[in-house]
Amino acid sequence: MSEPSTLTDESTGEGQRLHPLGLIIGFVSGLPQLIVPILAALFGVRNSESGLGAVSVFAIVLFTSLLFRWIAWLRTHYHIGEDDIRVERGLLSRTARSIPYDRIQDVSIEQKPLARLFGLGEVKFETGGGEGDDAKLSFVSLEEAGRLRETIRARKSGVGAVHAETEDAIDTPPIFAMDTRRLVTLGFYSFSLVIFAV
């Protein structure tokens, strides 16, 4: 009988990537930050007689934003080790942050409305000193998020390996849940969801 699968991935040198649908969530959520660059670019081509200038600027800004997010996604990996979790990221300069299991006080899984539509979650590692942006993984599937949480709890309690699915992961009730009607209502008041809907 084969051994149950674990989350240990030190045998794979590159590590694991975040979920690719997280690119869409990050792009849509970041659209409000592009308003100023778009307005500045439109101001630069305001004397253009053709209306294609404004459309081209708008398309270039959106494409550039999506391109940089895609490159950042390619350059982000996380490794589940025996003693720690390592998060590697960076476009030009590569940074690697190691988060030992004994420093992790809790692991929370957060689902914002847009992430919930795609079935993804954000895993946050709460440490005593706080690790900033490197102490979270945005975004992974809910199944992967549950396995990460159970793996860390098992390692902190001294268990070497953890099953791919545990009874705790299956039976743990959600802390907060919204039905589809409430989610759609919230979408009308959320700027990012309105843009996504358009």
N, C-alpha and C. Protein backbone atom coordinates (compact mmCIF):
# COMPACT_ATOMS: atom_id res chain seq x y z
N MET A 1 0.85 -1.19 0.00
CA MET A 1 0.00 0.00 0.00
C MET A 1 0.88 1.24 0.00
N SER A 2 0.58 2.19 -0.87
CA SER A 2 1.43 3.37 -1.00
C SER A 2 1.19 4.33 0.15
N GLU A 3 2.23 5.12 0.44
CA GLU A 3 2.16 6.12 1.51
C GLU A 3 1.26 7.26 1.08
N PRO A 4 0.54 7.90 2.03
CA PRO A 4 -0.28 9.06 1.67
C PRO A 4 0.58 10.21 1.22
N SER A 5 0.06 10.99 0.29
CA SER A 5 0.83 12.12 -0.23
C SER A 5 0.97 13.20 0.82
N THR A 6 2.07 13.93 0.75
CA THR A 6 2.34 15.03 1.68
C THR A 6 2.58 16.29 0.89
N LEU A 7 2.67 17.40 1.62
CA LEU A 7 2.92 18.68 0.97
C LEU A 7 4.40 19.00 0.88
N THR A 8 5.26 18.13 1.38
CA THR A 8 6.69 18.40 1.32
C THR A 8 7.13 18.39 -0.12
N ASP A 9 7.79 19.46 -0.59
CA ASP A 9 8.17 19.55 -1.99
C ASP A 9 9.64 19.90 -2.17
N GLU A 10 10.47 19.59 -1.19
CA GLU A 10 11.87 19.95 -1.29
C GLU A 10 12.56 19.17 -2.40
N SER A 11 11.97 18.07 -2.84
CA SER A 11 12.57 17.33 -3.94
C SER A 11 12.42 18.06 -5.26
N THR A 12 11.43 18.92 -5.37
CA THR A 12 11.25 19.72 -6.57
C THR A 12 11.92 21.07 -6.34
N GLY A 13 12.99 21.33 -7.12
CA GLY A 13 13.80 22.50 -6.86
C GLY A 13 13.07 23.81 -7.05
N GLU A 14 12.13 23.86 -8.00
CA GLU A 14 11.49 25.12 -8.31
C GLU A 14 10.39 25.49 -7.33
N GLY A 15 9.80 24.51 -6.68
CA GLY A 15 8.72 24.79 -5.75
C GLY A 15 7.37 24.84 -6.45
N GLN A 16 6.38 25.39 -5.77
CA GLN A 16 5.02 25.45 -6.29
C GLN A 16 4.65 26.88 -6.63
N ARG A 17 3.85 27.02 -7.67
CA ARG A 17 3.38 28.36 -8.07
C ARG A 17 2.01 28.63 -7.48
N LEU A 18 1.66 29.91 -7.45
CA LEU A 18 0.33 30.32 -7.05
C LEU A 18 -0.65 29.97 -8.17
N HIS A 19 -1.96 30.02 -7.87
CA HIS A 19 -2.96 29.67 -8.87
C HIS A 19 -2.97 30.73 -9.98
N PRO A 20 -2.99 30.30 -11.25
CA PRO A 20 -2.95 31.28 -12.35
C PRO A 20 -4.15 32.22 -12.40
N LEU A 21 -5.32 31.78 -11.90
CA LEU A 21 -6.48 32.67 -11.90
C LEU A 21 -6.28 33.85 -10.95
N GLY A 22 -5.30 33.74 -10.05
CA GLY A 22 -4.98 34.87 -9.18
C GLY A 22 -4.51 36.08 -9.97
N LEU A 23 -3.99 35.84 -11.20
CA LEU A 23 -3.60 36.95 -12.06
C LEU A 23 -4.79 37.85 -12.38
N ILE A 24 -5.92 37.23 -12.69
CA ILE A 24 -7.12 38.00 -13.04
C ILE A 24 -7.60 38.79 -11.82
N ILE A 25 -7.60 38.12 -10.66
CA ILE A 25 -8.05 38.79 -9.44
C ILE A 25 -7.17 39.99 -9.13
N GLY A 26 -5.85 39.78 -9.20
CA GLY A 26 -4.93 40.88 -8.92
C GLY A 26 -5.06 42.01 -9.93
N PHE A 27 -5.26 41.64 -11.20
CA PHE A 27 -5.40 42.66 -12.25
C PHE A 27 -6.65 43.50 -12.05
N VAL A 28 -7.79 42.84 -11.80
CA VAL A 28 -9.05 43.57 -11.62
C VAL A 28 -9.00 44.41 -10.34
N SER A 29 -8.43 43.83 -9.26
CA SER A 29 -8.34 44.57 -8.00
C SER A 29 -7.42 45.77 -8.12
N GLY A 30 -6.44 45.70 -9.02
CA GLY A 30 -5.49 46.81 -9.18
C GLY A 30 -5.91 47.86 -10.17
N LEU A 31 -7.07 47.69 -10.81
CA LEU A 31 -7.51 48.68 -11.80
C LEU A 31 -7.66 50.09 -11.23
N PRO A 32 -8.18 50.26 -10.01
CA PRO A 32 -8.26 51.64 -9.48
C PRO A 32 -6.90 52.33 -9.39
N GLN A 33 -5.82 51.57 -9.20
CA GLN A 33 -4.48 52.17 -9.11
C GLN A 33 -3.99 52.64 -10.48
N LEU A 34 -4.64 52.19 -11.55
CA LEU A 34 -4.22 52.58 -12.90
C LEU A 34 -4.90 53.86 -13.38
N ILE A 35 -5.82 54.41 -12.58
CA ILE A 35 -6.56 55.59 -13.02
C ILE A 35 -5.62 56.77 -13.25
N VAL A 36 -4.71 57.00 -12.30
CA VAL A 36 -3.79 58.14 -12.43
C VAL A 36 -2.86 57.97 -13.63
N PRO A 37 -2.20 56.80 -13.81
CA PRO A 37 -1.36 56.65 -15.01
C PRO A 37 -2.14 56.81 -16.32
N ILE A 38 -3.37 56.29 -16.36
CA ILE A 38 -4.17 56.42 -17.58
C ILE A 38 -4.51 57.89 -17.85
N LEU A 39 -4.91 58.62 -16.80
CA LEU A 39 -5.23 60.04 -16.98
C LEU A 39 -4.00 60.83 -17.41
N ALA A 40 -2.84 60.50 -16.83
CA ALA A 40 -1.60 61.20 -17.22
C ALA A 40 -1.26 60.92 -18.67
N ALA A 41 -1.42 59.66 -19.10
CA ALA A 41 -1.12 59.32 -20.49
C ALA A 41 -2.12 59.98 -21.44
N LEU A 42 -3.40 59.99 -21.04
CA LEU A 42 -4.40 60.65 -21.89
C LEU A 42 -4.15 62.14 -22.00
N PHE A 43 -3.64 62.75 -20.92
CA PHE A 43 -3.31 64.17 -20.96
C PHE A 43 -2.19 64.42 -21.96
N GLY A 44 -1.27 63.44 -22.09
CA GLY A 44 -0.16 63.60 -23.02
C GLY A 44 -0.58 63.52 -24.48
N VAL A 45 -1.68 62.83 -24.77
CA VAL A 45 -2.12 62.69 -26.17
C VAL A 45 -3.41 63.47 -26.42
N ARG A 46 -3.66 64.48 -25.58
CA ARG A 46 -4.94 65.19 -25.69
C ARG A 46 -5.05 65.96 -26.99
N ASN A 47 -3.91 66.34 -27.60
CA ASN A 47 -3.95 67.12 -28.84
C ASN A 47 -4.03 66.23 -30.08
N SER A 48 -4.06 64.92 -29.86
CA SER A 48 -4.14 64.01 -31.00
C SER A 48 -5.50 64.15 -31.69
N GLU A 49 -5.47 64.29 -33.02
CA GLU A 49 -6.71 64.48 -33.76
C GLU A 49 -7.48 63.17 -33.87
N SER A 50 -6.78 62.07 -33.83
CA SER A 50 -7.44 60.77 -33.96
C SER A 50 -7.85 60.25 -32.59
N GLY A 51 -9.01 59.66 -32.54
CA GLY A 51 -9.47 59.07 -31.29
C GLY A 51 -8.73 57.79 -30.95
N LEU A 52 -7.95 57.26 -31.91
CA LEU A 52 -7.20 56.03 -31.65
C LEU A 52 -6.09 56.24 -30.64
N GLY A 53 -5.62 57.48 -30.48
CA GLY A 53 -4.55 57.76 -29.54
C GLY A 53 -4.96 57.42 -28.12
N ALA A 54 -6.15 57.86 -27.72
CA ALA A 54 -6.64 57.60 -26.37
C ALA A 54 -6.87 56.10 -26.15
N VAL A 55 -7.45 55.44 -27.16
CA VAL A 55 -7.69 54.00 -27.04
C VAL A 55 -6.38 53.24 -26.94
N SER A 56 -5.40 53.64 -27.74
CA SER A 56 -4.10 52.98 -27.71
C SER A 56 -3.42 53.13 -26.36
N VAL A 57 -3.47 54.34 -25.80
CA VAL A 57 -2.87 54.57 -24.49
C VAL A 57 -3.54 53.71 -23.44
N PHE A 58 -4.87 53.68 -23.46
CA PHE A 58 -5.63 52.87 -22.50
C PHE A 58 -5.23 51.40 -22.61
N ALA A 59 -5.14 50.89 -23.85
CA ALA A 59 -4.78 49.48 -24.06
C ALA A 59 -3.35 49.20 -23.62
N ILE A 60 -2.43 50.12 -23.90
CA ILE A 60 -1.03 49.91 -23.53
C ILE A 60 -0.86 49.86 -22.02
N VAL A 61 -1.54 50.76 -21.31
CA VAL A 61 -1.43 50.77 -19.84
C VAL A 61 -1.97 49.47 -19.25
N LEU A 62 -3.12 49.02 -19.75
CA LEU A 62 -3.70 47.77 -19.25
C LEU A 62 -2.82 46.58 -19.57
N PHE A 63 -2.29 46.54 -20.80
CA PHE A 63 -1.43 45.43 -21.20
C PHE A 63 -0.15 45.40 -20.37
N THR A 64 0.44 46.57 -20.14
CA THR A 64 1.68 46.64 -19.35
C THR A 64 1.43 46.16 -17.92
N SER A 65 0.31 46.57 -17.34
CA SER A 65 -0.02 46.12 -15.99
C SER A 65 -0.17 44.60 -15.93
N LEU A 66 -0.89 44.05 -16.89
CA LEU A 66 -1.09 42.60 -16.92
C LEU A 66 0.21 41.86 -17.16
N LEU A 67 1.08 42.42 -18.02
CA LEU A 67 2.37 41.79 -18.31
C LEU A 67 3.24 41.71 -17.06
N PHE A 68 3.32 42.81 -16.31
CA PHE A 68 4.14 42.81 -15.10
C PHE A 68 3.58 41.85 -14.04
N ARG A 69 2.27 41.76 -13.95
CA ARG A 69 1.68 40.81 -13.00
C ARG A 69 1.98 39.38 -13.41
N TRP A 70 1.96 39.11 -14.70
CA TRP A 70 2.27 37.77 -15.19
C TRP A 70 3.72 37.39 -14.90
N ILE A 71 4.64 38.34 -15.13
CA ILE A 71 6.05 38.08 -14.84
C ILE A 71 6.25 37.85 -13.35
N ALA A 72 5.58 38.66 -12.52
CA ALA A 72 5.69 38.48 -11.07
C ALA A 72 5.16 37.11 -10.66
N TRP A 73 4.07 36.66 -11.30
CA TRP A 73 3.52 35.33 -11.00
C TRP A 73 4.51 34.24 -11.38
N LEU A 74 5.17 34.39 -12.53
CA LEU A 74 6.16 33.40 -12.96
C LEU A 74 7.33 33.32 -11.99
N ARG A 75 7.66 34.46 -11.39
CA ARG A 75 8.84 34.53 -10.53
C ARG A 75 8.53 34.26 -9.05
N THR A 76 7.30 33.90 -8.74
CA THR A 76 6.91 33.63 -7.36
C THR A 76 6.71 32.13 -7.16
N HIS A 77 7.42 31.57 -6.18
CA HIS A 77 7.29 30.16 -5.83
C HIS A 77 7.26 30.03 -4.31
N TYR A 78 6.65 28.97 -3.84
CA TYR A 78 6.73 28.67 -2.41
C TYR A 78 7.10 27.20 -2.24
N HIS A 79 7.88 26.95 -1.19
CA HIS A 79 8.39 25.62 -0.91
C HIS A 79 7.92 25.19 0.49
N ILE A 80 7.38 24.01 0.58
CA ILE A 80 6.98 23.45 1.86
C ILE A 80 8.08 22.52 2.32
N GLY A 81 8.87 22.94 3.32
CA GLY A 81 9.98 22.14 3.81
C GLY A 81 9.64 21.42 5.10
N GLU A 82 10.63 20.74 5.63
CA GLU A 82 10.44 20.03 6.89
C GLU A 82 10.35 20.99 8.08
N ASP A 83 11.07 22.11 8.00
CA ASP A 83 11.15 23.04 9.13
C ASP A 83 10.55 24.41 8.85
N ASP A 84 10.32 24.74 7.58
CA ASP A 84 9.86 26.08 7.27
C ASP A 84 9.13 26.12 5.93
N ILE A 85 8.54 27.28 5.67
CA ILE A 85 7.97 27.59 4.36
C ILE A 85 8.83 28.69 3.76
N ARG A 86 9.27 28.49 2.53
CA ARG A 86 10.08 29.50 1.84
C ARG A 86 9.27 30.10 0.71
N VAL A 87 9.24 31.43 0.67
CA VAL A 87 8.55 32.15 -0.39
C VAL A 87 9.61 32.92 -1.18
N GLU A 88 9.69 32.62 -2.48
CA GLU A 88 10.66 33.28 -3.35
C GLU A 88 9.91 34.11 -4.36
N ARG A 89 10.34 35.35 -4.51
CA ARG A 89 9.68 36.25 -5.46
C ARG A 89 10.64 37.34 -5.88
N GLY A 90 10.22 38.12 -6.87
CA GLY A 90 11.03 39.25 -7.32
C GLY A 90 11.15 39.28 -8.83
N LEU A 91 11.06 40.49 -9.41
CA LEU A 91 11.21 40.65 -10.85
C LEU A 91 12.67 40.80 -11.23
N LEU A 92 13.29 41.88 -10.80
CA LEU A 92 14.71 42.11 -11.12
C LEU A 92 15.62 41.49 -10.08
N SER A 93 15.37 41.79 -8.82
CA SER A 93 16.16 41.19 -7.74
C SER A 93 15.33 40.09 -7.08
N ARG A 94 15.96 38.95 -6.87
CA ARG A 94 15.27 37.78 -6.31
C ARG A 94 15.38 37.82 -4.79
N THR A 95 14.24 37.68 -4.10
CA THR A 95 14.24 37.63 -2.65
C THR A 95 13.62 36.31 -2.21
N ALA A 96 14.17 35.76 -1.14
CA ALA A 96 13.65 34.51 -0.57
C ALA A 96 13.45 34.72 0.92
N ARG A 97 12.26 34.42 1.41
CA ARG A 97 11.93 34.58 2.81
C ARG A 97 11.58 33.23 3.40
N SER A 98 12.23 32.88 4.47
CA SER A 98 11.97 31.62 5.17
C SER A 98 11.12 31.90 6.40
N ILE A 99 10.03 31.16 6.55
CA ILE A 99 9.14 31.33 7.70
C ILE A 99 9.12 30.02 8.47
N PRO A 100 9.89 29.91 9.56
CA PRO A 100 9.90 28.66 10.33
C PRO A 100 8.53 28.36 10.92
N TYR A 101 8.21 27.06 10.99
CA TYR A 101 6.91 26.66 11.52
C TYR A 101 6.71 27.11 12.97
N ASP A 102 7.81 27.10 13.76
CA ASP A 102 7.65 27.44 15.17
C ASP A 102 7.37 28.93 15.39
N ARG A 103 7.58 29.76 14.34
CA ARG A 103 7.26 31.19 14.45
C ARG A 103 5.85 31.50 13.99
N ILE A 104 5.22 30.56 13.30
CA ILE A 104 3.87 30.79 12.80
C ILE A 104 2.87 30.55 13.92
N GLN A 105 2.16 31.59 14.31
CA GLN A 105 1.18 31.47 15.39
C GLN A 105 -0.16 30.96 14.88
N ASP A 106 -0.52 31.36 13.67
CA ASP A 106 -1.79 30.90 13.12
C ASP A 106 -1.75 31.03 11.61
N VAL A 107 -2.61 30.26 10.95
CA VAL A 107 -2.76 30.32 9.49
C VAL A 107 -4.22 30.62 9.19
N SER A 108 -4.47 31.74 8.53
CA SER A 108 -5.84 32.11 8.20
C SER A 108 -6.04 32.06 6.69
N ILE A 109 -7.24 31.70 6.29
CA ILE A 109 -7.61 31.65 4.88
C ILE A 109 -8.70 32.69 4.65
N GLU A 110 -8.42 33.65 3.80
CA GLU A 110 -9.37 34.74 3.55
C GLU A 110 -9.86 34.66 2.11
N GLN A 111 -11.16 34.84 1.94
CA GLN A 111 -11.79 34.86 0.62
C GLN A 111 -12.53 36.17 0.43
N LYS A 112 -11.98 37.04 -0.38
CA LYS A 112 -12.69 38.26 -0.74
C LYS A 112 -13.69 37.91 -1.84
N PRO A 113 -14.68 38.78 -2.08
CA PRO A 113 -15.75 38.43 -3.03
C PRO A 113 -15.27 37.98 -4.39
N LEU A 114 -14.29 38.70 -4.97
CA LEU A 114 -13.83 38.33 -6.30
C LEU A 114 -13.10 36.98 -6.28
N ALA A 115 -12.30 36.75 -5.24
CA ALA A 115 -11.61 35.47 -5.12
C ALA A 115 -12.59 34.32 -4.94
N ARG A 116 -13.68 34.60 -4.24
CA ARG A 116 -14.68 33.55 -4.01
C ARG A 116 -15.33 33.11 -5.31
N LEU A 117 -15.53 34.04 -6.24
CA LEU A 117 -16.11 33.70 -7.53
C LEU A 117 -15.26 32.69 -8.28
N PHE A 118 -13.95 32.74 -8.08
CA PHE A 118 -13.03 31.82 -8.75
C PHE A 118 -12.67 30.62 -7.88
N GLY A 119 -13.21 30.55 -6.67
CA GLY A 119 -12.91 29.43 -5.79
C GLY A 119 -11.49 29.46 -5.24
N LEU A 120 -10.94 30.65 -5.05
CA LEU A 120 -9.58 30.79 -4.55
C LEU A 120 -9.59 31.45 -3.17
N GLY A 121 -8.48 31.36 -2.49
CA GLY A 121 -8.33 31.98 -1.18
C GLY A 121 -6.92 32.51 -0.99
N GLU A 122 -6.79 33.40 -0.02
CA GLU A 122 -5.49 33.98 0.33
C GLU A 122 -5.07 33.40 1.67
N VAL A 123 -3.89 32.79 1.70
CA VAL A 123 -3.37 32.17 2.92
C VAL A 123 -2.44 33.16 3.60
N LYS A 124 -2.74 33.48 4.87
CA LYS A 124 -1.91 34.42 5.63
C LYS A 124 -1.27 33.69 6.79
N PHE A 125 0.04 33.86 6.92
CA PHE A 125 0.80 33.27 8.01
C PHE A 125 1.03 34.34 9.07
N GLU A 126 0.40 34.17 10.22
CA GLU A 126 0.53 35.16 11.28
C GLU A 126 1.71 34.79 12.17
N THR A 127 2.72 35.66 12.16
CA THR A 127 3.93 35.44 12.96
C THR A 127 4.05 36.54 14.00
N GLY A 128 4.89 36.28 14.99
CA GLY A 128 5.06 37.25 16.06
C GLY A 128 5.62 38.57 15.57
N GLY A 129 6.64 38.50 14.67
CA GLY A 129 7.26 39.72 14.19
C GLY A 129 6.58 40.31 12.98
N GLY A 130 5.73 39.51 12.30
CA GLY A 130 5.08 39.99 11.09
C GLY A 130 6.04 39.98 9.94
N GLU A 131 5.69 39.30 8.87
CA GLU A 131 6.60 39.17 7.74
C GLU A 131 6.16 40.01 6.54
N GLY A 132 5.23 40.89 6.72
CA GLY A 132 4.81 41.76 5.64
C GLY A 132 4.14 40.98 4.52
N ASP A 133 4.40 41.39 3.27
CA ASP A 133 3.76 40.76 2.12
C ASP A 133 4.23 39.33 1.91
N ASP A 134 5.44 38.99 2.41
CA ASP A 134 5.94 37.63 2.22
C ASP A 134 5.24 36.63 3.12
N ALA A 135 4.42 37.09 4.05
CA ALA A 135 3.75 36.18 4.98
C ALA A 135 2.36 35.81 4.48
N LYS A 136 2.11 35.96 3.17
CA LYS A 136 0.83 35.53 2.63
C LYS A 136 1.04 35.01 1.21
N LEU A 137 0.13 34.14 0.80
CA LEU A 137 0.14 33.59 -0.54
C LEU A 137 -1.17 33.98 -1.22
N SER A 138 -1.07 34.81 -2.23
CA SER A 138 -2.26 35.27 -2.96
C SER A 138 -2.12 34.86 -4.43
N PHE A 139 -2.83 33.91 -4.93
CA PHE A 139 -3.96 33.18 -4.38
C PHE A 139 -3.72 31.71 -4.67
N VAL A 140 -4.32 30.84 -3.86
CA VAL A 140 -4.25 29.39 -4.09
C VAL A 140 -5.66 28.83 -4.02
N SER A 141 -5.82 27.61 -4.52
CA SER A 141 -7.14 26.98 -4.46
C SER A 141 -7.49 26.70 -3.00
N LEU A 142 -8.77 26.57 -2.71
CA LEU A 142 -9.21 26.32 -1.34
C LEU A 142 -8.68 24.98 -0.85
N GLU A 143 -8.60 23.99 -1.75
CA GLU A 143 -8.06 22.69 -1.36
C GLU A 143 -6.60 22.81 -0.94
N GLU A 144 -5.82 23.56 -1.73
CA GLU A 144 -4.41 23.77 -1.39
C GLU A 144 -4.27 24.58 -0.10
N ALA A 145 -5.13 25.59 0.08
CA ALA A 145 -5.09 26.40 1.31
C ALA A 145 -5.35 25.53 2.53
N GLY A 146 -6.35 24.63 2.44
CA GLY A 146 -6.63 23.74 3.55
C GLY A 146 -5.49 22.80 3.85
N ARG A 147 -4.85 22.30 2.80
CA ARG A 147 -3.70 21.40 3.00
C ARG A 147 -2.53 22.14 3.65
N LEU A 148 -2.31 23.40 3.21
CA LEU A 148 -1.24 24.20 3.82
C LEU A 148 -1.49 24.38 5.31
N ARG A 149 -2.72 24.75 5.65
CA ARG A 149 -3.05 24.99 7.06
C ARG A 149 -2.87 23.71 7.88
N GLU A 150 -3.35 22.58 7.37
CA GLU A 150 -3.23 21.33 8.11
C GLU A 150 -1.78 20.87 8.21
N THR A 151 -1.00 21.12 7.16
CA THR A 151 0.42 20.75 7.19
C THR A 151 1.16 21.53 8.27
N ILE A 152 0.91 22.83 8.33
CA ILE A 152 1.60 23.66 9.33
C ILE A 152 1.17 23.27 10.73
N ARG A 153 -0.10 23.01 10.93
CA ARG A 153 -0.56 22.58 12.26
C ARG A 153 0.07 21.25 12.65
N ALA A 154 0.18 20.35 11.69
CA ALA A 154 0.78 19.05 11.97
C ALA A 154 2.26 19.19 12.30
N ARG A 155 2.98 20.02 11.53
CA ARG A 155 4.41 20.21 11.78
C ARG A 155 4.64 20.89 13.13
N LYS A 156 3.79 21.84 13.48
CA LYS A 156 3.95 22.51 14.78
C LYS A 156 3.69 21.56 15.94
N SER A 157 2.81 20.58 15.70
CA SER A 157 2.52 19.63 16.78
C SER A 157 3.48 18.46 16.79
N GLY A 158 4.45 18.46 15.86
CA GLY A 158 5.47 17.43 15.85
C GLY A 158 5.20 16.26 14.95
N VAL A 159 4.16 16.32 14.13
CA VAL A 159 3.87 15.23 13.20
C VAL A 159 4.66 15.47 11.94
N GLY A 160 5.35 14.44 11.46
CA GLY A 160 6.25 14.60 10.32
C GLY A 160 5.51 14.70 9.00
N ALA A 161 4.48 13.92 8.79
CA ALA A 161 3.77 13.91 7.52
C ALA A 161 2.30 14.12 7.77
N VAL A 162 1.63 14.63 6.77
CA VAL A 162 0.21 14.88 6.90
C VAL A 162 -0.49 14.34 5.67
N HIS A 163 -1.67 13.78 5.84
CA HIS A 163 -2.42 13.25 4.72
C HIS A 163 -2.89 14.39 3.83
N ALA A 164 -3.12 14.06 2.58
CA ALA A 164 -3.59 15.08 1.63
C ALA A 164 -4.93 15.65 2.07
N GLU A 165 -5.79 14.80 2.63
CA GLU A 165 -7.05 15.27 3.16
C GLU A 165 -7.21 14.70 4.55
N THR A 166 -7.53 15.55 5.50
CA THR A 166 -7.72 15.10 6.86
C THR A 166 -9.16 15.34 7.27
N GLU A 167 -9.59 14.66 8.32
CA GLU A 167 -10.95 14.84 8.78
C GLU A 167 -11.18 16.26 9.26
N ASP A 168 -10.15 16.87 9.87
CA ASP A 168 -10.30 18.25 10.34
C ASP A 168 -10.56 19.19 9.17
N ALA A 169 -9.83 18.98 8.04
CA ALA A 169 -9.99 19.85 6.89
C ALA A 169 -11.37 19.70 6.29
N ILE A 170 -11.91 18.48 6.34
CA ILE A 170 -13.21 18.25 5.74
C ILE A 170 -14.33 18.75 6.64
N ASP A 171 -14.20 18.50 7.96
CA ASP A 171 -15.28 18.79 8.90
C ASP A 171 -15.25 20.20 9.47
N THR A 172 -14.19 20.97 9.20
CA THR A 172 -14.10 22.32 9.76
C THR A 172 -15.16 23.22 9.15
N PRO A 173 -16.08 23.76 9.96
CA PRO A 173 -17.12 24.63 9.39
C PRO A 173 -16.54 26.00 9.05
N PRO A 174 -17.09 26.66 8.04
CA PRO A 174 -16.61 28.00 7.70
C PRO A 174 -16.97 28.99 8.80
N ILE A 175 -16.11 29.98 8.98
CA ILE A 175 -16.36 31.02 9.98
C ILE A 175 -17.42 31.99 9.47
N PHE A 176 -17.36 32.29 8.18
CA PHE A 176 -18.31 33.23 7.59
C PHE A 176 -18.59 32.79 6.16
N ALA A 177 -19.84 32.81 5.75
CA ALA A 177 -20.21 32.43 4.38
C ALA A 177 -21.34 33.32 3.89
N MET A 178 -21.34 33.60 2.58
CA MET A 178 -22.39 34.41 1.98
C MET A 178 -23.04 33.62 0.86
N ASP A 179 -24.35 33.77 0.73
CA ASP A 179 -25.02 33.13 -0.39
C ASP A 179 -24.83 33.97 -1.64
N THR A 180 -25.27 33.45 -2.78
CA THR A 180 -25.05 34.13 -4.06
C THR A 180 -25.74 35.48 -4.12
N ARG A 181 -26.93 35.57 -3.54
CA ARG A 181 -27.67 36.84 -3.57
C ARG A 181 -26.90 37.94 -2.85
N ARG A 182 -26.37 37.62 -1.67
CA ARG A 182 -25.60 38.63 -0.93
C ARG A 182 -24.31 38.98 -1.66
N LEU A 183 -23.70 37.98 -2.31
CA LEU A 183 -22.47 38.23 -3.04
C LEU A 183 -22.69 39.18 -4.20
N VAL A 184 -23.80 38.98 -4.94
CA VAL A 184 -24.13 39.87 -6.05
C VAL A 184 -24.45 41.28 -5.53
N THR A 185 -25.19 41.37 -4.41
CA THR A 185 -25.50 42.67 -3.82
C THR A 185 -24.22 43.40 -3.43
N LEU A 186 -23.28 42.67 -2.84
CA LEU A 186 -22.00 43.28 -2.47
C LEU A 186 -21.24 43.73 -3.71
N GLY A 187 -21.40 42.98 -4.80
CA GLY A 187 -20.71 43.34 -6.03
C GLY A 187 -21.13 44.70 -6.57
N PHE A 188 -22.40 45.09 -6.34
CA PHE A 188 -22.87 46.39 -6.81
C PHE A 188 -22.18 47.53 -6.06
N TYR A 189 -21.71 47.27 -4.85
CA TYR A 189 -21.05 48.31 -4.05
C TYR A 189 -19.54 48.18 -4.07
N SER A 190 -19.02 47.19 -4.79
CA SER A 190 -17.57 47.00 -4.86
C SER A 190 -17.08 47.48 -6.21
N PHE A 191 -16.13 48.40 -6.20
CA PHE A 191 -15.63 49.00 -7.44
C PHE A 191 -15.01 47.96 -8.35
N SER A 192 -14.21 47.06 -7.80
CA SER A 192 -13.50 46.09 -8.63
C SER A 192 -14.46 45.11 -9.29
N LEU A 193 -15.52 44.70 -8.57
CA LEU A 193 -16.47 43.78 -9.16
C LEU A 193 -17.30 44.44 -10.24
N VAL A 194 -17.59 45.72 -10.10
CA VAL A 194 -18.33 46.43 -11.14
C VAL A 194 -17.50 46.46 -12.43
N ILE A 195 -16.20 46.74 -12.30
CA ILE A 195 -15.33 46.74 -13.48
C ILE A 195 -15.27 45.35 -14.09
N PHE A 196 -15.16 44.33 -13.25
CA PHE A 196 -15.11 42.96 -13.74
C PHE A 196 -16.39 42.60 -14.49
N ALA A 197 -17.52 43.03 -13.96
CA ALA A 197 -18.80 42.74 -14.60
C ALA A 197 -18.89 43.43 -15.96
N VAL A 198 -18.40 44.68 -16.05
CA VAL A 198 -18.43 45.40 -17.32
C VAL A 198 -17.55 44.71 -18.34
